[in-house]
Amino acid sequence: MDTEIIRHRLHNYLEAADDEKIEALFSMVQEEMTAYEVTANDSLKLELDRRLEEYKQDASSAISQEDSKRRILEILKGDKK
């Protein structure tokens, strides 16, 4: 079964499952989930604040999501420009 379909089915199940089942599933994956969580330390917060202020000063310098995706794909393919 395709991973996207599995995600969708799991999401639907989680919306309808009773509390006991949700808690059981959570306890099974809680430790792994914690490994993927990003902690917002002080330096990260400062960097994000700096970038937000930079954006506010010159919003026209931002690139669209489509351009960003295109650039990333070019880099991944090795077509650096």
PDB file of N, CA and C in Angstrom:
ATOM      1  N   MET A   1       0.848  -1.178   0.000  1.00  0.00           N
ATOM      2  CA  MET A   1       0.000   0.000   0.000  1.00  0.00           C
ATOM      3  C   MET A   1       0.893   1.241   0.000  1.00  0.00           C
ATOM      4  N   ASP A   2       0.507   2.235  -0.755  1.00  0.00           N
ATOM      5  CA  ASP A   2       1.253   3.481  -0.878  1.00  0.00           C
ATOM      6  C   ASP A   2       1.310   4.218   0.466  1.00  0.00           C
ATOM      7  N   THR A   3       2.465   4.786   0.796  1.00  0.00           N
ATOM      8  CA  THR A   3       2.652   5.477   2.068  1.00  0.00           C
ATOM      9  C   THR A   3       1.674   6.619   2.250  1.00  0.00           C
ATOM     10  N   GLU A   4       1.381   7.340   1.176  1.00  0.00           N
ATOM     11  CA  GLU A   4       0.438   8.458   1.274  1.00  0.00           C
ATOM     12  C   GLU A   4      -0.952   7.965   1.664  1.00  0.00           C
ATOM     13  N   ILE A   5      -1.344   6.831   1.134  1.00  0.00           N
ATOM     14  CA  ILE A   5      -2.646   6.249   1.484  1.00  0.00           C
ATOM     15  C   ILE A   5      -2.651   5.816   2.939  1.00  0.00           C
ATOM     16  N   ILE A   6      -1.544   5.217   3.380  1.00  0.00           N
ATOM     17  CA  ILE A   6      -1.440   4.782   4.780  1.00  0.00           C
ATOM     18  C   ILE A   6      -1.553   5.988   5.705  1.00  0.00           C
ATOM     19  N   ARG A   7      -0.839   7.062   5.389  1.00  0.00           N
ATOM     20  CA  ARG A   7      -0.923   8.271   6.214  1.00  0.00           C
ATOM     21  C   ARG A   7      -2.352   8.784   6.300  1.00  0.00           C
ATOM     22  N   HIS A   8      -3.015   8.812   5.163  1.00  0.00           N
ATOM     23  CA  HIS A   8      -4.393   9.303   5.119  1.00  0.00           C
ATOM     24  C   HIS A   8      -5.312   8.409   5.972  1.00  0.00           C
ATOM     25  N   ARG A   9      -5.154   7.104   5.830  1.00  0.00           N
ATOM     26  CA  ARG A   9      -5.997   6.178   6.608  1.00  0.00           C
ATOM     27  C   ARG A   9      -5.710   6.293   8.105  1.00  0.00           C
ATOM     28  N   LEU A  10      -4.433   6.427   8.456  1.00  0.00           N
ATOM     29  CA  LEU A  10      -4.085   6.601   9.876  1.00  0.00           C
ATOM     30  C   LEU A  10      -4.679   7.897  10.424  1.00  0.00           C
ATOM     31  N   HIS A  11      -4.570   8.964   9.629  1.00  0.00           N
ATOM     32  CA  HIS A  11      -5.131  10.247  10.055  1.00  0.00           C
ATOM     33  C   HIS A  11      -6.630  10.110  10.310  1.00  0.00           C
ATOM     34  N   ASN A  12      -7.336   9.475   9.391  1.00  0.00           N
ATOM     35  CA  ASN A  12      -8.777   9.267   9.570  1.00  0.00           C
ATOM     36  C   ASN A  12      -9.072   8.432  10.806  1.00  0.00           C
ATOM     37  N   TYR A  13      -8.262   7.396  11.023  1.00  0.00           N
ATOM     38  CA  TYR A  13      -8.456   6.546  12.190  1.00  0.00           C
ATOM     39  C   TYR A  13      -8.256   7.338  13.478  1.00  0.00           C
ATOM     40  N   LEU A  14      -7.197   8.140  13.515  1.00  0.00           N
ATOM     41  CA  LEU A  14      -6.902   8.919  14.719  1.00  0.00           C
ATOM     42  C   LEU A  14      -8.016   9.913  15.039  1.00  0.00           C
ATOM     43  N   GLU A  15      -8.676  10.420  14.013  1.00  0.00           N
ATOM     44  CA  GLU A  15      -9.779  11.352  14.230  1.00  0.00           C
ATOM     45  C   GLU A  15     -10.954  10.675  14.916  1.00  0.00           C
ATOM     46  N   ALA A  16     -11.131   9.366  14.683  1.00  0.00           N
ATOM     47  CA  ALA A  16     -12.312   8.666  15.198  1.00  0.00           C
ATOM     48  C   ALA A  16     -12.029   7.742  16.375  1.00  0.00           C
ATOM     49  N   ALA A  17     -10.780   7.406  16.618  1.00  0.00           N
ATOM     50  CA  ALA A  17     -10.441   6.425  17.658  1.00  0.00           C
ATOM     51  C   ALA A  17     -10.772   6.949  19.051  1.00  0.00           C
ATOM     52  N   ASP A  18     -11.073   6.006  19.946  1.00  0.00           N
ATOM     53  CA  ASP A  18     -11.370   6.411  21.326  1.00  0.00           C
ATOM     54  C   ASP A  18     -10.075   6.767  22.065  1.00  0.00           C
ATOM     55  N   ASP A  19     -10.204   7.442  23.184  1.00  0.00           N
ATOM     56  CA  ASP A  19      -9.050   7.953  23.934  1.00  0.00           C
ATOM     57  C   ASP A  19      -8.072   6.857  24.322  1.00  0.00           C
ATOM     58  N   GLU A  20      -8.582   5.706  24.715  1.00  0.00           N
ATOM     59  CA  GLU A  20      -7.712   4.614  25.151  1.00  0.00           C
ATOM     60  C   GLU A  20      -6.791   4.151  24.019  1.00  0.00           C
ATOM     61  N   LYS A  21      -7.327   4.036  22.826  1.00  0.00           N
ATOM     62  CA  LYS A  21      -6.512   3.606  21.680  1.00  0.00           C
ATOM     63  C   LYS A  21      -5.501   4.690  21.294  1.00  0.00           C
ATOM     64  N   ILE A  22      -5.914   5.942  21.354  1.00  0.00           N
ATOM     65  CA  ILE A  22      -4.999   7.041  21.048  1.00  0.00           C
ATOM     66  C   ILE A  22      -3.825   7.025  22.022  1.00  0.00           C
ATOM     67  N   GLU A  23      -4.121   6.868  23.309  1.00  0.00           N
ATOM     68  CA  GLU A  23      -3.058   6.840  24.316  1.00  0.00           C
ATOM     69  C   GLU A  23      -2.134   5.649  24.114  1.00  0.00           C
ATOM     70  N   ALA A  24      -2.681   4.501  23.739  1.00  0.00           N
ATOM     71  CA  ALA A  24      -1.857   3.309  23.495  1.00  0.00           C
ATOM     72  C   ALA A  24      -0.927   3.531  22.302  1.00  0.00           C
ATOM     73  N   LEU A  25      -1.460   4.065  21.227  1.00  0.00           N
ATOM     74  CA  LEU A  25      -0.629   4.350  20.056  1.00  0.00           C
ATOM     75  C   LEU A  25       0.447   5.378  20.373  1.00  0.00           C
ATOM     76  N   PHE A  26       0.068   6.399  21.104  1.00  0.00           N
ATOM     77  CA  PHE A  26       1.027   7.442  21.467  1.00  0.00           C
ATOM     78  C   PHE A  26       2.167   6.873  22.292  1.00  0.00           C
ATOM     79  N   SER A  27       1.843   6.015  23.246  1.00  0.00           N
ATOM     80  CA  SER A  27       2.900   5.447  24.090  1.00  0.00           C
ATOM     81  C   SER A  27       3.871   4.602  23.272  1.00  0.00           C
ATOM     82  N   MET A  28       3.381   4.012  22.176  1.00  0.00           N
ATOM     83  CA  MET A  28       4.245   3.193  21.325  1.00  0.00           C
ATOM     84  C   MET A  28       5.246   4.038  20.536  1.00  0.00           C
ATOM     85  N   VAL A  29       4.866   5.258  20.160  1.00  0.00           N
ATOM     86  CA  VAL A  29       5.729   6.068  19.297  1.00  0.00           C
ATOM     87  C   VAL A  29       6.287   7.316  19.975  1.00  0.00           C
ATOM     88  N   GLN A  30       5.932   7.527  21.219  1.00  0.00           N
ATOM     89  CA  GLN A  30       6.321   8.756  21.924  1.00  0.00           C
ATOM     90  C   GLN A  30       7.825   8.981  21.916  1.00  0.00           C
ATOM     91  N   GLU A  31       8.589   7.969  22.216  1.00  0.00           N
ATOM     92  CA  GLU A  31      10.051   8.131  22.279  1.00  0.00           C
ATOM     93  C   GLU A  31      10.627   8.502  20.915  1.00  0.00           C
ATOM     94  N   GLU A  32      10.142   7.868  19.875  1.00  0.00           N
ATOM     95  CA  GLU A  32      10.626   8.171  18.528  1.00  0.00           C
ATOM     96  C   GLU A  32      10.207   9.573  18.099  1.00  0.00           C
ATOM     97  N   MET A  33       8.990   9.979  18.451  1.00  0.00           N
ATOM     98  CA  MET A  33       8.517  11.316  18.109  1.00  0.00           C
ATOM     99  C   MET A  33       9.390  12.376  18.740  1.00  0.00           C
ATOM    100  N   THR A  34       9.801  12.169  19.961  1.00  0.00           N
ATOM    101  CA  THR A  34      10.631  13.130  20.674  1.00  0.00           C
ATOM    102  C   THR A  34      11.954  13.348  19.951  1.00  0.00           C
ATOM    103  N   ALA A  35      12.469  12.319  19.330  1.00  0.00           N
ATOM    104  CA  ALA A  35      13.737  12.424  18.610  1.00  0.00           C
ATOM    105  C   ALA A  35      13.623  13.369  17.412  1.00  0.00           C
ATOM    106  N   TYR A  36      12.419  13.532  16.870  1.00  0.00           N
ATOM    107  CA  TYR A  36      12.222  14.381  15.702  1.00  0.00           C
ATOM    108  C   TYR A  36      11.795  15.800  16.042  1.00  0.00           C
ATOM    109  N   GLU A  37      11.480  16.058  17.289  1.00  0.00           N
ATOM    110  CA  GLU A  37      11.035  17.390  17.672  1.00  0.00           C
ATOM    111  C   GLU A  37      12.196  18.378  17.642  1.00  0.00           C
ATOM    112  N   VAL A  38      11.914  19.551  17.158  1.00  0.00           N
ATOM    113  CA  VAL A  38      12.922  20.601  17.113  1.00  0.00           C
ATOM    114  C   VAL A  38      12.741  21.471  18.347  1.00  0.00           C
ATOM    115  N   THR A  39      13.805  21.659  19.063  1.00  0.00           N
ATOM    116  CA  THR A  39      13.722  22.539  20.226  1.00  0.00           C
ATOM    117  C   THR A  39      14.140  23.935  19.813  1.00  0.00           C
ATOM    118  N   ALA A  40      13.360  24.896  20.200  1.00  0.00           N
ATOM    119  CA  ALA A  40      13.637  26.288  19.843  1.00  0.00           C
ATOM    120  C   ALA A  40      14.503  26.913  20.934  1.00  0.00           C
ATOM    121  N   ASN A  41      15.810  26.763  20.799  1.00  0.00           N
ATOM    122  CA  ASN A  41      16.706  27.354  21.779  1.00  0.00           C
ATOM    123  C   ASN A  41      16.859  28.850  21.500  1.00  0.00           C
ATOM    124  N   ASP A  42      17.545  29.531  22.368  1.00  0.00           N
ATOM    125  CA  ASP A  42      17.682  30.983  22.260  1.00  0.00           C
ATOM    126  C   ASP A  42      18.327  31.420  20.948  1.00  0.00           C
ATOM    127  N   SER A  43      19.351  30.709  20.498  1.00  0.00           N
ATOM    128  CA  SER A  43      20.026  31.125  19.261  1.00  0.00           C
ATOM    129  C   SER A  43      19.102  30.954  18.057  1.00  0.00           C
ATOM    130  N   LEU A  44      18.287  29.906  18.053  1.00  0.00           N
ATOM    131  CA  LEU A  44      17.339  29.715  16.963  1.00  0.00           C
ATOM    132  C   LEU A  44      16.292  30.829  16.968  1.00  0.00           C
ATOM    133  N   LYS A  45      15.794  31.164  18.140  1.00  0.00           N
ATOM    134  CA  LYS A  45      14.812  32.243  18.245  1.00  0.00           C
ATOM    135  C   LYS A  45      15.397  33.566  17.758  1.00  0.00           C
ATOM    136  N   LEU A  46      16.637  33.854  18.139  1.00  0.00           N
ATOM    137  CA  LEU A  46      17.287  35.088  17.687  1.00  0.00           C
ATOM    138  C   LEU A  46      17.442  35.111  16.169  1.00  0.00           C
ATOM    139  N   GLU A  47      17.844  33.979  15.594  1.00  0.00           N
ATOM    140  CA  GLU A  47      18.016  33.907  14.145  1.00  0.00           C
ATOM    141  C   GLU A  47      16.683  34.087  13.426  1.00  0.00           C
ATOM    142  N   LEU A  48      15.639  33.468  13.921  1.00  0.00           N
ATOM    143  CA  LEU A  48      14.320  33.626  13.300  1.00  0.00           C
ATOM    144  C   LEU A  48      13.822  35.065  13.415  1.00  0.00           C
ATOM    145  N   ASP A  49      14.041  35.680  14.563  1.00  0.00           N
ATOM    146  CA  ASP A  49      13.664  37.092  14.728  1.00  0.00           C
ATOM    147  C   ASP A  49      14.442  37.975  13.763  1.00  0.00           C
ATOM    148  N   ARG A  50      15.742  37.697  13.588  1.00  0.00           N
ATOM    149  CA  ARG A  50      16.571  38.472  12.668  1.00  0.00           C
ATOM    150  C   ARG A  50      16.048  38.338  11.241  1.00  0.00           C
ATOM    151  N   ARG A  51      15.718  37.119  10.852  1.00  0.00           N
ATOM    152  CA  ARG A  51      15.223  36.889   9.497  1.00  0.00           C
ATOM    153  C   ARG A  51      13.863  37.549   9.273  1.00  0.00           C
ATOM    154  N   LEU A  52      13.019  37.536  10.295  1.00  0.00           N
ATOM    155  CA  LEU A  52      11.714  38.190  10.181  1.00  0.00           C
ATOM    156  C   LEU A  52      11.886  39.690   9.985  1.00  0.00           C
ATOM    157  N   GLU A  53      12.768  40.295  10.758  1.00  0.00           N
ATOM    158  CA  GLU A  53      13.016  41.731  10.611  1.00  0.00           C
ATOM    159  C   GLU A  53      13.597  42.054   9.237  1.00  0.00           C
ATOM    160  N   GLU A  54      14.499  41.199   8.773  1.00  0.00           N
ATOM    161  CA  GLU A  54      15.079  41.392   7.440  1.00  0.00           C
ATOM    162  C   GLU A  54      13.985  41.328   6.376  1.00  0.00           C
ATOM    163  N   TYR A  55      13.078  40.385   6.514  1.00  0.00           N
ATOM    164  CA  TYR A  55      11.965  40.259   5.577  1.00  0.00           C
ATOM    165  C   TYR A  55      11.068  41.496   5.629  1.00  0.00           C
ATOM    166  N   LYS A  56      10.786  41.983   6.843  1.00  0.00           N
ATOM    167  CA  LYS A  56       9.925  43.158   6.985  1.00  0.00           C
ATOM    168  C   LYS A  56      10.546  44.387   6.330  1.00  0.00           C
ATOM    169  N   GLN A  57      11.869  44.478   6.361  1.00  0.00           N
ATOM    170  CA  GLN A  57      12.561  45.612   5.759  1.00  0.00           C
ATOM    171  C   GLN A  57      12.507  45.577   4.234  1.00  0.00           C
ATOM    172  N   ASP A  58      12.510  44.371   3.661  1.00  0.00           N
ATOM    173  CA  ASP A  58      12.515  44.255   2.201  1.00  0.00           C
ATOM    174  C   ASP A  58      11.799  42.975   1.783  1.00  0.00           C
ATOM    175  N   ALA A  59      10.475  43.001   1.867  1.00  0.00           N
ATOM    176  CA  ALA A  59       9.685  41.819   1.533  1.00  0.00           C
ATOM    177  C   ALA A  59       9.834  41.436   0.064  1.00  0.00           C
ATOM    178  N   SER A  60      10.207  42.390  -0.768  1.00  0.00           N
ATOM    179  CA  SER A  60      10.351  42.087  -2.198  1.00  0.00           C
ATOM    180  C   SER A  60      11.517  41.153  -2.475  1.00  0.00           C
ATOM    181  N   SER A  61      12.425  41.002  -1.514  1.00  0.00           N
ATOM    182  CA  SER A  61      13.564  40.117  -1.722  1.00  0.00           C
ATOM    183  C   SER A  61      13.208  38.647  -1.505  1.00  0.00           C
ATOM    184  N   ALA A  62      12.013  38.395  -0.993  1.00  0.00           N
ATOM    185  CA  ALA A  62      11.579  37.014  -0.760  1.00  0.00           C
ATOM    186  C   ALA A  62      11.291  36.338  -2.098  1.00  0.00           C
ATOM    187  N   ILE A  63      11.471  35.029  -2.126  1.00  0.00           N
ATOM    188  CA  ILE A  63      11.166  34.294  -3.353  1.00  0.00           C
ATOM    189  C   ILE A  63       9.919  33.447  -3.118  1.00  0.00           C
ATOM    190  N   SER A  64       9.248  33.125  -4.201  1.00  0.00           N
ATOM    191  CA  SER A  64       8.014  32.340  -4.098  1.00  0.00           C
ATOM    192  C   SER A  64       8.329  30.900  -3.721  1.00  0.00           C
ATOM    193  N   GLN A  65       7.298  30.210  -3.254  1.00  0.00           N
ATOM    194  CA  GLN A  65       7.453  28.799  -2.916  1.00  0.00           C
ATOM    195  C   GLN A  65       7.862  28.003  -4.152  1.00  0.00           C
ATOM    196  N   GLU A  66       7.286  28.348  -5.299  1.00  0.00           N
ATOM    197  CA  GLU A  66       7.607  27.637  -6.537  1.00  0.00           C
ATOM    198  C   GLU A  66       9.080  27.827  -6.911  1.00  0.00           C
ATOM    199  N   ASP A  67       9.581  29.077  -6.816  1.00  0.00           N
ATOM    200  CA  ASP A  67      10.987  29.334  -7.116  1.00  0.00           C
ATOM    201  C   ASP A  67      11.907  28.622  -6.134  1.00  0.00           C
ATOM    202  N   SER A  68      11.517  28.623  -4.887  1.00  0.00           N
ATOM    203  CA  SER A  68      12.318  27.948  -3.874  1.00  0.00           C
ATOM    204  C   SER A  68      12.404  26.454  -4.168  1.00  0.00           C
ATOM    205  N   LYS A  69      11.268  25.857  -4.485  1.00  0.00           N
ATOM    206  CA  LYS A  69      11.253  24.426  -4.796  1.00  0.00           C
ATOM    207  C   LYS A  69      12.105  24.138  -6.031  1.00  0.00           C
ATOM    208  N   ARG A  70      11.974  24.983  -7.067  1.00  0.00           N
ATOM    209  CA  ARG A  70      12.754  24.815  -8.285  1.00  0.00           C
ATOM    210  C   ARG A  70      14.243  24.874  -7.986  1.00  0.00           C
ATOM    211  N   ARG A  71      14.653  25.856  -7.183  1.00  0.00           N
ATOM    212  CA  ARG A  71      16.080  25.998  -6.824  1.00  0.00           C
ATOM    213  C   ARG A  71      16.590  24.772  -6.077  1.00  0.00           C
ATOM    214  N   ILE A  72      15.785  24.291  -5.135  1.00  0.00           N
ATOM    215  CA  ILE A  72      16.190  23.115  -4.357  1.00  0.00           C
ATOM    216  C   ILE A  72      16.350  21.910  -5.269  1.00  0.00           C
ATOM    217  N   LEU A  73      15.386  21.704  -6.171  1.00  0.00           N
ATOM    218  CA  LEU A  73      15.474  20.574  -7.096  1.00  0.00           C
ATOM    219  C   LEU A  73      16.692  20.681  -8.001  1.00  0.00           C
ATOM    220  N   GLU A  74      17.022  21.893  -8.439  1.00  0.00           N
ATOM    221  CA  GLU A  74      18.214  22.084  -9.273  1.00  0.00           C
ATOM    222  C   GLU A  74      19.476  21.720  -8.496  1.00  0.00           C
ATOM    223  N   ILE A  75      19.525  22.141  -7.246  1.00  0.00           N
ATOM    224  CA  ILE A  75      20.700  21.822  -6.416  1.00  0.00           C
ATOM    225  C   ILE A  75      20.810  20.313  -6.212  1.00  0.00           C
ATOM    226  N   LEU A  76      19.671  19.683  -5.928  1.00  0.00           N
ATOM    227  CA  LEU A  76      19.695  18.228  -5.708  1.00  0.00           C
ATOM    228  C   LEU A  76      20.108  17.461  -6.957  1.00  0.00           C
ATOM    229  N   LYS A  77      19.754  18.006  -8.118  1.00  0.00           N
ATOM    230  CA  LYS A  77      20.142  17.370  -9.382  1.00  0.00           C
ATOM    231  C   LYS A  77      21.580  17.694  -9.768  1.00  0.00           C
ATOM    232  N   GLY A  78      22.171  18.680  -9.098  1.00  0.00           N
ATOM    233  CA  GLY A  78      23.531  19.077  -9.425  1.00  0.00           C
ATOM    234  C   GLY A  78      23.619  20.139 -10.496  1.00  0.00           C
ATOM    235  N   ASP A  79      22.488  20.784 -10.797  1.00  0.00           N
ATOM    236  CA  ASP A  79      22.446  21.842 -11.818  1.00  0.00           C
ATOM    237  C   ASP A  79      22.599  23.206 -11.177  1.00  0.00           C
ATOM    238  N   LYS A  80      23.625  23.385 -10.380  1.00  0.00           N
ATOM    239  CA  LYS A  80      23.809  24.639  -9.671  1.00  0.00           C
ATOM    240  C   LYS A  80      24.015  25.797 -10.652  1.00  0.00           C
ATOM    241  N   LYS A  81      23.262  26.866 -10.456  1.00  0.00           N
ATOM    242  CA  LYS A  81      23.364  28.032 -11.343  1.00  0.00           C
ATOM    243  C   LYS A  81      23.789  29.240 -10.565  1.00  0.00           C
TER     244      LYS A  81
END
